[in-house]
Amino acid sequence: MFNFLWITEFPFFEWNEETQHWDAMHHPFTMPMDECLQYLDTAPEKVFAKAYDLVLNGTELSSGSIRITDYELQQKMFESLGLTDEEIQAKFGFLVDAYKYGAAPHGGMGIGLDRLAMIMCGADSLRDVTAFPKVQNASELMSDCPAKVDDESLDILGIKVVKTEE
Protein backbone atom coordinates (compact mmCIF):
# COMPACT_ATOMS: atom_id res chain seq x y z
CA MET A 1 0.00 0.00 0.00
CA PHE A 2 1.37 3.39 -0.99
CA ASN A 3 0.22 6.40 1.00
CA PHE A 4 1.23 9.70 -0.60
CA LEU A 5 0.95 12.94 1.35
CA TRP A 6 1.50 16.58 0.40
CA ILE A 7 2.69 18.77 3.26
CA THR A 8 2.14 22.46 2.57
CA GLU A 9 2.29 25.83 4.29
CA PHE A 10 5.31 25.21 6.49
CA PRO A 11 5.99 27.73 9.25
CA PHE A 12 8.42 30.29 7.85
CA PHE A 13 10.16 31.08 11.13
CA GLU A 14 11.13 29.06 14.17
CA TRP A 15 12.06 30.42 17.57
CA ASN A 16 15.70 29.89 18.52
CA GLU A 17 15.91 29.49 22.30
CA GLU A 18 19.68 29.94 22.30
CA THR A 19 19.73 33.28 20.48
CA GLN A 20 16.23 34.40 21.52
CA HIS A 21 15.51 35.25 17.90
CA TRP A 22 13.28 34.05 15.06
CA ASP A 23 15.26 32.09 12.41
CA ALA A 24 14.21 30.99 8.92
CA MET A 25 12.94 27.42 9.28
CA HIS A 26 14.18 26.38 5.81
CA HIS A 27 15.87 29.29 4.05
CA PRO A 28 15.11 33.00 3.63
CA PHE A 29 14.36 32.79 -0.12
CA THR A 30 10.96 31.09 0.17
CA MET A 31 7.91 33.24 -0.53
CA PRO A 32 5.64 33.75 2.47
CA MET A 33 1.94 33.05 1.97
CA ASP A 34 0.25 36.25 0.76
CA GLU A 35 -2.15 36.36 3.71
CA CYS A 36 0.81 36.18 6.14
CA LEU A 37 2.75 39.21 4.89
CA GLN A 38 0.96 41.44 7.39
CA TYR A 39 2.53 39.47 10.28
CA LEU A 40 6.20 39.80 9.27
CA ASP A 41 6.91 42.59 11.75
CA THR A 42 4.38 41.82 14.47
CA ALA A 43 3.84 38.05 14.71
CA PRO A 44 6.49 35.92 12.96
CA GLU A 45 4.91 32.75 14.37
CA LYS A 46 1.90 33.41 12.10
CA VAL A 47 3.97 33.52 8.90
CA PHE A 48 3.77 30.43 6.73
CA ALA A 49 5.80 29.69 3.60
CA LYS A 50 4.82 28.68 0.09
CA ALA A 51 6.75 25.46 0.62
CA TYR A 52 5.78 21.85 0.11
CA ASP A 53 7.00 18.30 0.57
CA LEU A 54 5.83 15.09 -1.06
CA VAL A 55 5.93 12.15 1.35
CA LEU A 56 5.38 8.47 0.64
CA ASN A 57 4.77 6.11 3.54
CA GLY A 58 6.52 8.51 5.90
CA THR A 59 9.60 9.10 3.72
CA GLU A 60 10.19 12.48 2.10
CA LEU A 61 10.43 12.07 -1.67
CA SER A 62 10.57 15.69 -2.67
CA SER A 63 10.81 19.16 -1.23
CA GLY A 64 10.24 22.48 -2.91
CA SER A 65 9.00 26.03 -2.69
CA ILE A 66 8.00 29.16 -4.52
CA ARG A 67 10.80 31.72 -4.29
CA ILE A 68 10.74 35.40 -3.48
CA THR A 69 11.36 37.51 -6.58
CA ASP A 70 10.50 40.95 -5.22
CA TYR A 71 13.48 43.09 -4.16
CA GLU A 72 11.70 44.87 -1.30
CA LEU A 73 10.20 41.68 0.13
CA GLN A 74 13.52 39.82 -0.03
CA GLN A 75 15.23 42.74 1.69
CA LYS A 76 12.50 42.72 4.38
CA MET A 77 12.88 38.97 4.94
CA PHE A 78 16.63 39.36 5.49
CA GLU A 79 16.00 42.24 7.89
CA SER A 80 13.41 40.12 9.76
CA LEU A 81 16.20 37.61 10.32
CA GLY A 82 18.38 40.30 11.85
CA LEU A 83 20.77 40.86 8.95
CA THR A 84 22.18 44.35 8.50
CA ASP A 85 22.28 46.06 5.10
CA GLU A 86 26.04 45.39 5.00
CA GLU A 87 25.56 41.67 5.71
CA ILE A 88 22.79 41.40 3.12
CA GLN A 89 24.98 43.04 0.48
CA ALA A 90 28.05 40.96 1.36
CA LYS A 91 26.23 37.60 1.44
CA PHE A 92 23.38 38.04 -1.03
CA GLY A 93 24.02 41.29 -2.92
CA PHE A 94 24.13 39.54 -6.29
CA LEU A 95 20.65 38.14 -5.68
CA VAL A 96 18.87 41.19 -4.32
CA ASP A 97 20.51 43.40 -6.93
CA ALA A 98 19.26 41.11 -9.69
CA TYR A 99 15.73 41.44 -8.33
CA LYS A 100 15.89 45.20 -8.96
CA TYR A 101 15.76 44.36 -12.68
CA GLY A 102 12.85 41.94 -12.30
CA ALA A 103 12.66 38.20 -12.01
CA ALA A 104 9.94 35.89 -13.17
CA PRO A 105 8.06 34.00 -10.47
CA HIS A 106 9.75 30.68 -10.02
CA GLY A 107 9.85 27.65 -7.81
CA GLY A 108 10.11 23.96 -8.09
CA MET A 109 10.98 20.68 -6.50
CA GLY A 110 13.14 17.69 -7.17
CA ILE A 111 11.91 14.20 -6.57
CA GLY A 112 14.18 11.51 -5.15
CA LEU A 113 13.60 8.72 -7.64
CA ASP A 114 15.98 6.52 -5.71
CA ARG A 115 13.87 6.94 -2.57
CA LEU A 116 10.70 6.25 -4.54
CA ALA A 117 12.20 3.06 -6.00
CA MET A 118 13.42 1.98 -2.55
CA ILE A 119 9.94 2.30 -1.04
CA MET A 120 8.14 0.72 -4.00
CA CYS A 121 10.54 -2.25 -3.98
CA GLY A 122 10.37 -2.64 -0.21
CA ALA A 123 14.16 -2.24 0.02
CA ASP A 124 15.90 -1.28 3.26
CA SER A 125 18.62 0.87 1.69
CA LEU A 126 19.10 3.20 -1.27
CA ARG A 127 22.10 1.06 -2.22
CA ASP A 128 19.69 -1.79 -2.96
CA VAL A 129 18.03 0.18 -5.78
CA THR A 130 20.87 2.34 -7.09
CA ALA A 131 22.52 1.05 -10.24
CA PHE A 132 26.03 2.17 -9.31
CA PRO A 133 26.06 2.88 -5.56
CA LYS A 134 28.97 4.71 -3.99
CA VAL A 135 30.79 3.30 -0.98
CA GLN A 136 32.08 5.27 2.03
CA ASN A 137 35.05 6.86 0.24
CA ALA A 138 32.78 7.96 -2.68
CA SER A 139 34.22 5.40 -5.07
CA GLU A 140 32.04 3.16 -7.23
CA LEU A 141 33.23 -0.41 -7.40
CA MET A 142 31.61 -1.46 -10.70
CA SER A 143 33.30 1.17 -12.87
CA ASP A 144 36.36 2.00 -10.78
CA CYS A 145 35.22 5.59 -10.37
CA PRO A 146 36.72 7.99 -9.71
CA ALA A 147 39.33 7.14 -12.32
CA LYS A 148 41.90 8.95 -14.44
CA VAL A 149 40.56 10.81 -17.44
CA ASP A 150 42.52 10.86 -20.69
CA ASP A 151 43.85 14.16 -22.06
CA GLU A 152 41.58 14.06 -25.13
CA SER A 153 38.46 13.92 -22.95
CA LEU A 154 39.75 16.74 -20.77
CA ASP A 155 40.44 18.87 -23.88
CA ILE A 156 36.90 18.32 -25.16
CA LEU A 157 35.52 19.51 -21.82
CA GLY A 158 37.95 22.41 -21.57
CA ILE A 159 39.37 21.12 -18.31
CA LYS A 160 43.01 21.23 -17.34
CA VAL A 161 44.53 19.18 -14.53
CA VAL A 162 47.28 21.01 -12.70
CA LYS A 163 49.49 18.93 -10.47
CA THR A 164 51.13 20.69 -7.56
CA GLU A 165 53.83 19.49 -5.24
CA GLU A 166 52.82 19.17 -1.61
C-alpha atoms as a PDB file:
ATOM      1  CA  MET A   1       0.000   0.000   0.000  1.00  0.00           C
ATOM      2  CA  PHE A   2       1.372   3.390  -0.995  1.00  0.00           C
ATOM      3  CA  ASN A   3       0.218   6.403   1.002  1.00  0.00           C
ATOM      4  CA  PHE A   4       1.233   9.696  -0.596  1.00  0.00           C
ATOM      5  CA  LEU A   5       0.947  12.940   1.347  1.00  0.00           C
ATOM      6  CA  TRP A   6       1.504  16.577   0.404  1.00  0.00           C
ATOM      7  CA  ILE A   7       2.692  18.772   3.257  1.00  0.00           C
ATOM      8  CA  THR A   8       2.142  22.462   2.565  1.00  0.00           C
ATOM      9  CA  GLU A   9       2.293  25.827   4.289  1.00  0.00           C
ATOM     10  CA  PHE A  10       5.314  25.214   6.492  1.00  0.00           C
ATOM     11  CA  PRO A  11       5.992  27.729   9.252  1.00  0.00           C
ATOM     12  CA  PHE A  12       8.416  30.292   7.847  1.00  0.00           C
ATOM     13  CA  PHE A  13      10.163  31.080  11.129  1.00  0.00           C
ATOM     14  CA  GLU A  14      11.134  29.057  14.166  1.00  0.00           C
ATOM     15  CA  TRP A  15      12.063  30.424  17.573  1.00  0.00           C
ATOM     16  CA  ASN A  16      15.702  29.892  18.519  1.00  0.00           C
ATOM     17  CA  GLU A  17      15.907  29.487  22.300  1.00  0.00           C
ATOM     18  CA  GLU A  18      19.677  29.942  22.295  1.00  0.00           C
ATOM     19  CA  THR A  19      19.731  33.284  20.481  1.00  0.00           C
ATOM     20  CA  GLN A  20      16.227  34.402  21.522  1.00  0.00           C
ATOM     21  CA  HIS A  21      15.506  35.254  17.899  1.00  0.00           C
ATOM     22  CA  TRP A  22      13.281  34.050  15.055  1.00  0.00           C
ATOM     23  CA  ASP A  23      15.257  32.093  12.409  1.00  0.00           C
ATOM     24  CA  ALA A  24      14.206  30.991   8.921  1.00  0.00           C
ATOM     25  CA  MET A  25      12.943  27.421   9.275  1.00  0.00           C
ATOM     26  CA  HIS A  26      14.182  26.384   5.811  1.00  0.00           C
ATOM     27  CA  HIS A  27      15.875  29.287   4.045  1.00  0.00           C
ATOM     28  CA  PRO A  28      15.108  33.002   3.626  1.00  0.00           C
ATOM     29  CA  PHE A  29      14.362  32.788  -0.117  1.00  0.00           C
ATOM     30  CA  THR A  30      10.961  31.089   0.175  1.00  0.00           C
ATOM     31  CA  MET A  31       7.910  33.236  -0.527  1.00  0.00           C
ATOM     32  CA  PRO A  32       5.639  33.751   2.468  1.00  0.00           C
ATOM     33  CA  MET A  33       1.939  33.052   1.973  1.00  0.00           C
ATOM     34  CA  ASP A  34       0.252  36.252   0.757  1.00  0.00           C
ATOM     35  CA  GLU A  35      -2.153  36.362   3.706  1.00  0.00           C
ATOM     36  CA  CYS A  36       0.811  36.177   6.140  1.00  0.00           C
ATOM     37  CA  LEU A  37       2.754  39.206   4.886  1.00  0.00           C
ATOM     38  CA  GLN A  38       0.962  41.439   7.387  1.00  0.00           C
ATOM     39  CA  TYR A  39       2.534  39.474  10.283  1.00  0.00           C
ATOM     40  CA  LEU A  40       6.202  39.795   9.271  1.00  0.00           C
ATOM     41  CA  ASP A  41       6.908  42.587  11.754  1.00  0.00           C
ATOM     42  CA  THR A  42       4.382  41.823  14.467  1.00  0.00           C
ATOM     43  CA  ALA A  43       3.840  38.052  14.713  1.00  0.00           C
ATOM     44  CA  PRO A  44       6.494  35.915  12.955  1.00  0.00           C
ATOM     45  CA  GLU A  45       4.906  32.748  14.372  1.00  0.00           C
ATOM     46  CA  LYS A  46       1.896  33.412  12.104  1.00  0.00           C
ATOM     47  CA  VAL A  47       3.972  33.519   8.905  1.00  0.00           C
ATOM     48  CA  PHE A  48       3.772  30.427   6.729  1.00  0.00           C
ATOM     49  CA  ALA A  49       5.796  29.688   3.600  1.00  0.00           C
ATOM     50  CA  LYS A  50       4.821  28.677   0.087  1.00  0.00           C
ATOM     51  CA  ALA A  51       6.751  25.464   0.621  1.00  0.00           C
ATOM     52  CA  TYR A  52       5.776  21.848   0.111  1.00  0.00           C
ATOM     53  CA  ASP A  53       6.995  18.303   0.573  1.00  0.00           C
ATOM     54  CA  LEU A  54       5.827  15.086  -1.061  1.00  0.00           C
ATOM     55  CA  VAL A  55       5.933  12.152   1.355  1.00  0.00           C
ATOM     56  CA  LEU A  56       5.377   8.466   0.638  1.00  0.00           C
ATOM     57  CA  ASN A  57       4.766   6.108   3.542  1.00  0.00           C
ATOM     58  CA  GLY A  58       6.521   8.510   5.900  1.00  0.00           C
ATOM     59  CA  THR A  59       9.602   9.101   3.722  1.00  0.00           C
ATOM     60  CA  GLU A  60      10.192  12.477   2.096  1.00  0.00           C
ATOM     61  CA  LEU A  61      10.434  12.071  -1.673  1.00  0.00           C
ATOM     62  CA  SER A  62      10.574  15.688  -2.666  1.00  0.00           C
ATOM     63  CA  SER A  63      10.812  19.161  -1.231  1.00  0.00           C
ATOM     64  CA  GLY A  64      10.243  22.481  -2.910  1.00  0.00           C
ATOM     65  CA  SER A  65       8.996  26.031  -2.685  1.00  0.00           C
ATOM     66  CA  ILE A  66       7.997  29.163  -4.521  1.00  0.00           C
ATOM     67  CA  ARG A  67      10.803  31.719  -4.292  1.00  0.00           C
ATOM     68  CA  ILE A  68      10.737  35.403  -3.477  1.00  0.00           C
ATOM     69  CA  THR A  69      11.358  37.514  -6.580  1.00  0.00           C
ATOM     70  CA  ASP A  70      10.497  40.952  -5.218  1.00  0.00           C
ATOM     71  CA  TYR A  71      13.476  43.091  -4.164  1.00  0.00           C
ATOM     72  CA  GLU A  72      11.704  44.870  -1.302  1.00  0.00           C
ATOM     73  CA  LEU A  73      10.199  41.680   0.128  1.00  0.00           C
ATOM     74  CA  GLN A  74      13.519  39.820  -0.032  1.00  0.00           C
ATOM     75  CA  GLN A  75      15.227  42.737   1.694  1.00  0.00           C
ATOM     76  CA  LYS A  76      12.499  42.724   4.375  1.00  0.00           C
ATOM     77  CA  MET A  77      12.882  38.967   4.937  1.00  0.00           C
ATOM     78  CA  PHE A  78      16.628  39.364   5.488  1.00  0.00           C
ATOM     79  CA  GLU A  79      15.999  42.244   7.892  1.00  0.00           C
ATOM     80  CA  SER A  80      13.414  40.119   9.758  1.00  0.00           C
ATOM     81  CA  LEU A  81      16.196  37.607  10.324  1.00  0.00           C
ATOM     82  CA  GLY A  82      18.383  40.305  11.855  1.00  0.00           C
ATOM     83  CA  LEU A  83      20.765  40.857   8.947  1.00  0.00           C
ATOM     84  CA  THR A  84      22.182  44.353   8.503  1.00  0.00           C
ATOM     85  CA  ASP A  85      22.282  46.064   5.096  1.00  0.00           C
ATOM     86  CA  GLU A  86      26.037  45.388   5.002  1.00  0.00           C
ATOM     87  CA  GLU A  87      25.556  41.674   5.710  1.00  0.00           C
ATOM     88  CA  ILE A  88      22.793  41.404   3.116  1.00  0.00           C
ATOM     89  CA  GLN A  89      24.984  43.044   0.481  1.00  0.00           C
ATOM     90  CA  ALA A  90      28.047  40.957   1.360  1.00  0.00           C
ATOM     91  CA  LYS A  91      26.230  37.605   1.442  1.00  0.00           C
ATOM     92  CA  PHE A  92      23.383  38.043  -1.026  1.00  0.00           C
ATOM     93  CA  GLY A  93      24.018  41.286  -2.919  1.00  0.00           C
ATOM     94  CA  PHE A  94      24.134  39.537  -6.293  1.00  0.00           C
ATOM     95  CA  LEU A  95      20.654  38.140  -5.685  1.00  0.00           C
ATOM     96  CA  VAL A  96      18.875  41.186  -4.318  1.00  0.00           C
ATOM     97  CA  ASP A  97      20.513  43.400  -6.927  1.00  0.00           C
ATOM     98  CA  ALA A  98      19.263  41.112  -9.686  1.00  0.00           C
ATOM     99  CA  TYR A  99      15.726  41.441  -8.331  1.00  0.00           C
ATOM    100  CA  LYS A 100      15.886  45.198  -8.955  1.00  0.00           C
ATOM    101  CA  TYR A 101      15.758  44.356 -12.681  1.00  0.00           C
ATOM    102  CA  GLY A 102      12.854  41.938 -12.303  1.00  0.00           C
ATOM    103  CA  ALA A 103      12.657  38.198 -12.013  1.00  0.00           C
ATOM    104  CA  ALA A 104       9.944  35.893 -13.175  1.00  0.00           C
ATOM    105  CA  PRO A 105       8.061  34.003 -10.466  1.00  0.00           C
ATOM    106  CA  HIS A 106       9.752  30.682 -10.021  1.00  0.00           C
ATOM    107  CA  GLY A 107       9.849  27.652  -7.806  1.00  0.00           C
ATOM    108  CA  GLY A 108      10.115  23.955  -8.092  1.00  0.00           C
ATOM    109  CA  MET A 109      10.981  20.685  -6.497  1.00  0.00           C
ATOM    110  CA  GLY A 110      13.143  17.692  -7.171  1.00  0.00           C
ATOM    111  CA  ILE A 111      11.913  14.197  -6.567  1.00  0.00           C
ATOM    112  CA  GLY A 112      14.179  11.514  -5.146  1.00  0.00           C
ATOM    113  CA  LEU A 113      13.596   8.721  -7.642  1.00  0.00           C
ATOM    114  CA  ASP A 114      15.979   6.517  -5.715  1.00  0.00           C
ATOM    115  CA  ARG A 115      13.866   6.938  -2.570  1.00  0.00           C
ATOM    116  CA  LEU A 116      10.697   6.255  -4.541  1.00  0.00           C
ATOM    117  CA  ALA A 117      12.205   3.058  -6.000  1.00  0.00           C
ATOM    118  CA  MET A 118      13.418   1.985  -2.550  1.00  0.00           C
ATOM    119  CA  ILE A 119       9.943   2.301  -1.038  1.00  0.00           C
ATOM    120  CA  MET A 120       8.139   0.720  -3.998  1.00  0.00           C
ATOM    121  CA  CYS A 121      10.539  -2.253  -3.980  1.00  0.00           C
ATOM    122  CA  GLY A 122      10.373  -2.641  -0.210  1.00  0.00           C
ATOM    123  CA  ALA A 123      14.158  -2.236   0.016  1.00  0.00           C
ATOM    124  CA  ASP A 124      15.897  -1.278   3.255  1.00  0.00           C
ATOM    125  CA  SER A 125      18.617   0.870   1.689  1.00  0.00           C
ATOM    126  CA  LEU A 126      19.096   3.203  -1.267  1.00  0.00           C
ATOM    127  CA  ARG A 127      22.097   1.056  -2.219  1.00  0.00           C
ATOM    128  CA  ASP A 128      19.691  -1.792  -2.962  1.00  0.00           C
ATOM    129  CA  VAL A 129      18.033   0.183  -5.779  1.00  0.00           C
ATOM    130  CA  THR A 130      20.866   2.341  -7.090  1.00  0.00           C
ATOM    131  CA  ALA A 131      22.524   1.047 -10.241  1.00  0.00           C
ATOM    132  CA  PHE A 132      26.029   2.170  -9.312  1.00  0.00           C
ATOM    133  CA  PRO A 133      26.062   2.881  -5.561  1.00  0.00           C
ATOM    134  CA  LYS A 134      28.972   4.713  -3.992  1.00  0.00           C
ATOM    135  CA  VAL A 135      30.786   3.297  -0.978  1.00  0.00           C
ATOM    136  CA  GLN A 136      32.079   5.271   2.031  1.00  0.00           C
ATOM    137  CA  ASN A 137      35.049   6.860   0.241  1.00  0.00           C
ATOM    138  CA  ALA A 138      32.776   7.964  -2.675  1.00  0.00           C
ATOM    139  CA  SER A 139      34.216   5.396  -5.070  1.00  0.00           C
ATOM    140  CA  GLU A 140      32.037   3.159  -7.231  1.00  0.00           C
ATOM    141  CA  LEU A 141      33.234  -0.412  -7.399  1.00  0.00           C
ATOM    142  CA  MET A 142      31.609  -1.463 -10.699  1.00  0.00           C
ATOM    143  CA  SER A 143      33.296   1.169 -12.869  1.00  0.00           C
ATOM    144  CA  ASP A 144      36.359   2.001 -10.778  1.00  0.00           C
ATOM    145  CA  CYS A 145      35.221   5.593 -10.370  1.00  0.00           C
ATOM    146  CA  PRO A 146      36.719   7.985  -9.712  1.00  0.00           C
ATOM    147  CA  ALA A 147      39.334   7.141 -12.324  1.00  0.00           C
ATOM    148  CA  LYS A 148      41.901   8.954 -14.438  1.00  0.00           C
ATOM    149  CA  VAL A 149      40.562  10.808 -17.441  1.00  0.00           C
ATOM    150  CA  ASP A 150      42.520  10.859 -20.685  1.00  0.00           C
ATOM    151  CA  ASP A 151      43.850  14.157 -22.059  1.00  0.00           C
ATOM    152  CA  GLU A 152      41.577  14.055 -25.130  1.00  0.00           C
ATOM    153  CA  SER A 153      38.460  13.920 -22.946  1.00  0.00           C
ATOM    154  CA  LEU A 154      39.750  16.741 -20.775  1.00  0.00           C
ATOM    155  CA  ASP A 155      40.435  18.865 -23.875  1.00  0.00           C
ATOM    156  CA  ILE A 156      36.895  18.320 -25.164  1.00  0.00           C
ATOM    157  CA  LEU A 157      35.522  19.507 -21.822  1.00  0.00           C
ATOM    158  CA  GLY A 158      37.951  22.415 -21.574  1.00  0.00           C
ATOM    159  CA  ILE A 159      39.370  21.119 -18.305  1.00  0.00           C
ATOM    160  CA  LYS A 160      43.008  21.230 -17.337  1.00  0.00           C
ATOM    161  CA  VAL A 161      44.525  19.177 -14.531  1.00  0.00           C
ATOM    162  CA  VAL A 162      47.277  21.010 -12.699  1.00  0.00           C
ATOM    163  CA  LYS A 163      49.493  18.932 -10.472  1.00  0.00           C
ATOM    164  CA  THR A 164      51.128  20.686  -7.560  1.00  0.00           C
ATOM    165  CA  GLU A 165      53.835  19.491  -5.238  1.00  0.00           C
ATOM    166  CA  GLU A 166      52.818  19.168  -1.610  1.00  0.00           C
END
